[in-house]
Amino acid sequence: MPKSLPGKTDPVASRLGAVIANVMSVGARALGYFLWGVLRIAYRGDPRMIALFGGVIGMTGLLVWLIAG
Protein backbone atom coordinates (compact mmCIF):
# COMPACT_ATOMS: atom_id res chain seq x y z
CA MET A 1 0.00 0.00 0.00
CA PRO A 2 1.53 3.35 -0.97
CA LYS A 3 2.25 5.91 1.70
CA SER A 4 0.02 8.95 1.87
CA LEU A 5 1.39 12.19 0.55
CA PRO A 6 2.16 14.93 3.07
CA GLY A 7 -1.01 16.83 3.88
CA LYS A 8 -3.24 13.99 2.70
CA THR A 9 -5.06 11.69 5.09
CA ASP A 10 -6.20 8.15 4.57
CA PRO A 11 -10.02 8.10 4.94
CA VAL A 12 -9.99 4.60 6.46
CA ALA A 13 -7.41 5.61 9.06
CA SER A 14 -9.41 8.74 9.87
CA ARG A 15 -12.57 6.69 10.41
CA LEU A 16 -10.69 4.18 12.52
CA GLY A 17 -9.25 6.99 14.62
CA ALA A 18 -12.71 8.45 15.12
CA VAL A 19 -14.08 5.08 16.24
CA ILE A 20 -11.19 4.60 18.67
CA ALA A 21 -11.71 8.11 20.07
CA ASN A 22 -15.43 7.50 20.57
CA VAL A 23 -14.85 4.15 22.29
CA MET A 24 -12.27 5.73 24.61
CA SER A 25 -14.66 8.58 25.38
CA VAL A 26 -17.47 6.19 26.32
CA GLY A 27 -15.02 4.15 28.40
CA ALA A 28 -13.81 7.23 30.27
CA ARG A 29 -17.39 8.29 31.00
CA ALA A 30 -18.25 4.79 32.25
CA LEU A 31 -15.17 4.76 34.48
CA GLY A 32 -16.15 8.15 35.87
CA TYR A 33 -19.67 6.96 36.73
CA PHE A 34 -18.24 3.80 38.28
CA LEU A 35 -15.84 5.74 40.50
CA TRP A 36 -18.57 8.23 41.43
CA GLY A 37 -20.83 5.36 42.49
CA VAL A 38 -18.14 3.59 44.49
CA LEU A 39 -17.15 6.77 46.32
CA ARG A 40 -20.77 7.69 47.03
CA ILE A 41 -21.41 4.24 48.47
CA ALA A 42 -18.18 4.37 50.49
CA TYR A 43 -18.86 7.77 52.03
CA ARG A 44 -22.65 7.81 52.39
CA GLY A 45 -23.70 4.16 52.50
CA ASP A 46 -27.05 5.02 50.88
CA PRO A 47 -29.04 1.75 50.49
CA ARG A 48 -30.81 2.96 47.34
CA MET A 49 -27.46 3.79 45.75
CA ILE A 50 -26.08 0.37 46.70
CA ALA A 51 -29.13 -1.33 45.14
CA LEU A 52 -28.89 0.82 42.00
CA PHE A 53 -25.18 0.15 41.63
CA GLY A 54 -25.65 -3.60 42.15
CA GLY A 55 -28.47 -3.65 39.61
CA VAL A 56 -26.41 -1.83 36.99
CA ILE A 57 -23.47 -4.18 37.51
CA GLY A 58 -25.80 -7.20 37.32
CA MET A 59 -27.52 -6.02 34.14
CA THR A 60 -24.17 -5.20 32.53
CA GLY A 61 -22.89 -8.67 33.38
CA LEU A 62 -26.06 -10.26 32.00
CA LEU A 63 -25.81 -8.25 28.79
CA VAL A 64 -22.16 -9.22 28.29
CA TRP A 65 -23.02 -12.87 28.99
CA LEU A 66 -25.88 -12.83 26.47
CA ILE A 67 -23.79 -11.14 23.77
CA ALA A 68 -20.72 -13.35 24.31
CA GLY A 69 -22.69 -16.58 24.65
C-alpha atoms as a PDB file:
ATOM      1  CA  MET A   1       0.000   0.000   0.000  1.00  0.00           C
ATOM      2  CA  PRO A   2       1.534   3.348  -0.969  1.00  0.00           C
ATOM      3  CA  LYS A   3       2.254   5.913   1.698  1.00  0.00           C
ATOM      4  CA  SER A   4       0.021   8.953   1.874  1.00  0.00           C
ATOM      5  CA  LEU A   5       1.389  12.194   0.551  1.00  0.00           C
ATOM      6  CA  PRO A   6       2.159  14.934   3.070  1.00  0.00           C
ATOM      7  CA  GLY A   7      -1.014  16.831   3.882  1.00  0.00           C
ATOM      8  CA  LYS A   8      -3.244  13.986   2.698  1.00  0.00           C
ATOM      9  CA  THR A   9      -5.062  11.688   5.089  1.00  0.00           C
ATOM     10  CA  ASP A  10      -6.201   8.149   4.566  1.00  0.00           C
ATOM     11  CA  PRO A  11     -10.016   8.102   4.943  1.00  0.00           C
ATOM     12  CA  VAL A  12      -9.992   4.604   6.455  1.00  0.00           C
ATOM     13  CA  ALA A  13      -7.407   5.609   9.059  1.00  0.00           C
ATOM     14  CA  SER A  14      -9.408   8.742   9.873  1.00  0.00           C
ATOM     15  CA  ARG A  15     -12.569   6.695  10.410  1.00  0.00           C
ATOM     16  CA  LEU A  16     -10.692   4.181  12.524  1.00  0.00           C
ATOM     17  CA  GLY A  17      -9.247   6.986  14.622  1.00  0.00           C
ATOM     18  CA  ALA A  18     -12.711   8.451  15.119  1.00  0.00           C
ATOM     19  CA  VAL A  19     -14.077   5.077  16.236  1.00  0.00           C
ATOM     20  CA  ILE A  20     -11.193   4.598  18.673  1.00  0.00           C
ATOM     21  CA  ALA A  21     -11.706   8.111  20.075  1.00  0.00           C
ATOM     22  CA  ASN A  22     -15.431   7.499  20.574  1.00  0.00           C
ATOM     23  CA  VAL A  23     -14.848   4.154  22.293  1.00  0.00           C
ATOM     24  CA  MET A  24     -12.270   5.726  24.605  1.00  0.00           C
ATOM     25  CA  SER A  25     -14.662   8.584  25.382  1.00  0.00           C
ATOM     26  CA  VAL A  26     -17.466   6.195  26.325  1.00  0.00           C
ATOM     27  CA  GLY A  27     -15.020   4.147  28.405  1.00  0.00           C
ATOM     28  CA  ALA A  28     -13.807   7.231  30.269  1.00  0.00           C
ATOM     29  CA  ARG A  29     -17.387   8.293  31.001  1.00  0.00           C
ATOM     30  CA  ALA A  30     -18.251   4.786  32.250  1.00  0.00           C
ATOM     31  CA  LEU A  31     -15.172   4.759  34.482  1.00  0.00           C
ATOM     32  CA  GLY A  32     -16.153   8.152  35.873  1.00  0.00           C
ATOM     33  CA  TYR A  33     -19.670   6.964  36.729  1.00  0.00           C
ATOM     34  CA  PHE A  34     -18.235   3.799  38.277  1.00  0.00           C
ATOM     35  CA  LEU A  35     -15.838   5.742  40.498  1.00  0.00           C
ATOM     36  CA  TRP A  36     -18.568   8.225  41.427  1.00  0.00           C
ATOM     37  CA  GLY A  37     -20.834   5.362  42.490  1.00  0.00           C
ATOM     38  CA  VAL A  38     -18.138   3.588  44.487  1.00  0.00           C
ATOM     39  CA  LEU A  39     -17.147   6.769  46.316  1.00  0.00           C
ATOM     40  CA  ARG A  40     -20.771   7.691  47.029  1.00  0.00           C
ATOM     41  CA  ILE A  41     -21.412   4.243  48.473  1.00  0.00           C
ATOM     42  CA  ALA A  42     -18.183   4.373  50.493  1.00  0.00           C
ATOM     43  CA  TYR A  43     -18.862   7.767  52.031  1.00  0.00           C
ATOM     44  CA  ARG A  44     -22.650   7.815  52.393  1.00  0.00           C
ATOM     45  CA  GLY A  45     -23.704   4.163  52.503  1.00  0.00           C
ATOM     46  CA  ASP A  46     -27.050   5.023  50.876  1.00  0.00           C
ATOM     47  CA  PRO A  47     -29.041   1.746  50.494  1.00  0.00           C
ATOM     48  CA  ARG A  48     -30.809   2.959  47.335  1.00  0.00           C
ATOM     49  CA  MET A  49     -27.457   3.785  45.750  1.00  0.00           C
ATOM     50  CA  ILE A  50     -26.081   0.369  46.702  1.00  0.00           C
ATOM     51  CA  ALA A  51     -29.128  -1.327  45.137  1.00  0.00           C
ATOM     52  CA  LEU A  52     -28.894   0.816  41.997  1.00  0.00           C
ATOM     53  CA  PHE A  53     -25.179   0.150  41.632  1.00  0.00           C
ATOM     54  CA  GLY A  54     -25.652  -3.596  42.153  1.00  0.00           C
ATOM     55  CA  GLY A  55     -28.468  -3.655  39.606  1.00  0.00           C
ATOM     56  CA  VAL A  56     -26.412  -1.826  36.992  1.00  0.00           C
ATOM     57  CA  ILE A  57     -23.474  -4.185  37.513  1.00  0.00           C
ATOM     58  CA  GLY A  58     -25.796  -7.202  37.319  1.00  0.00           C
ATOM     59  CA  MET A  59     -27.522  -6.015  34.145  1.00  0.00           C
ATOM     60  CA  THR A  60     -24.174  -5.200  32.528  1.00  0.00           C
ATOM     61  CA  GLY A  61     -22.895  -8.671  33.383  1.00  0.00           C
ATOM     62  CA  LEU A  62     -26.062 -10.257  32.005  1.00  0.00           C
ATOM     63  CA  LEU A  63     -25.810  -8.247  28.786  1.00  0.00           C
ATOM     64  CA  VAL A  64     -22.158  -9.224  28.286  1.00  0.00           C
ATOM     65  CA  TRP A  65     -23.022 -12.873  28.993  1.00  0.00           C
ATOM     66  CA  LEU A  66     -25.883 -12.826  26.468  1.00  0.00           C
ATOM     67  CA  ILE A  67     -23.790 -11.144  23.774  1.00  0.00           C
ATOM     68  CA  ALA A  68     -20.723 -13.347  24.313  1.00  0.00           C
ATOM     69  CA  GLY A  69     -22.695 -16.581  24.646  1.00  0.00           C
END
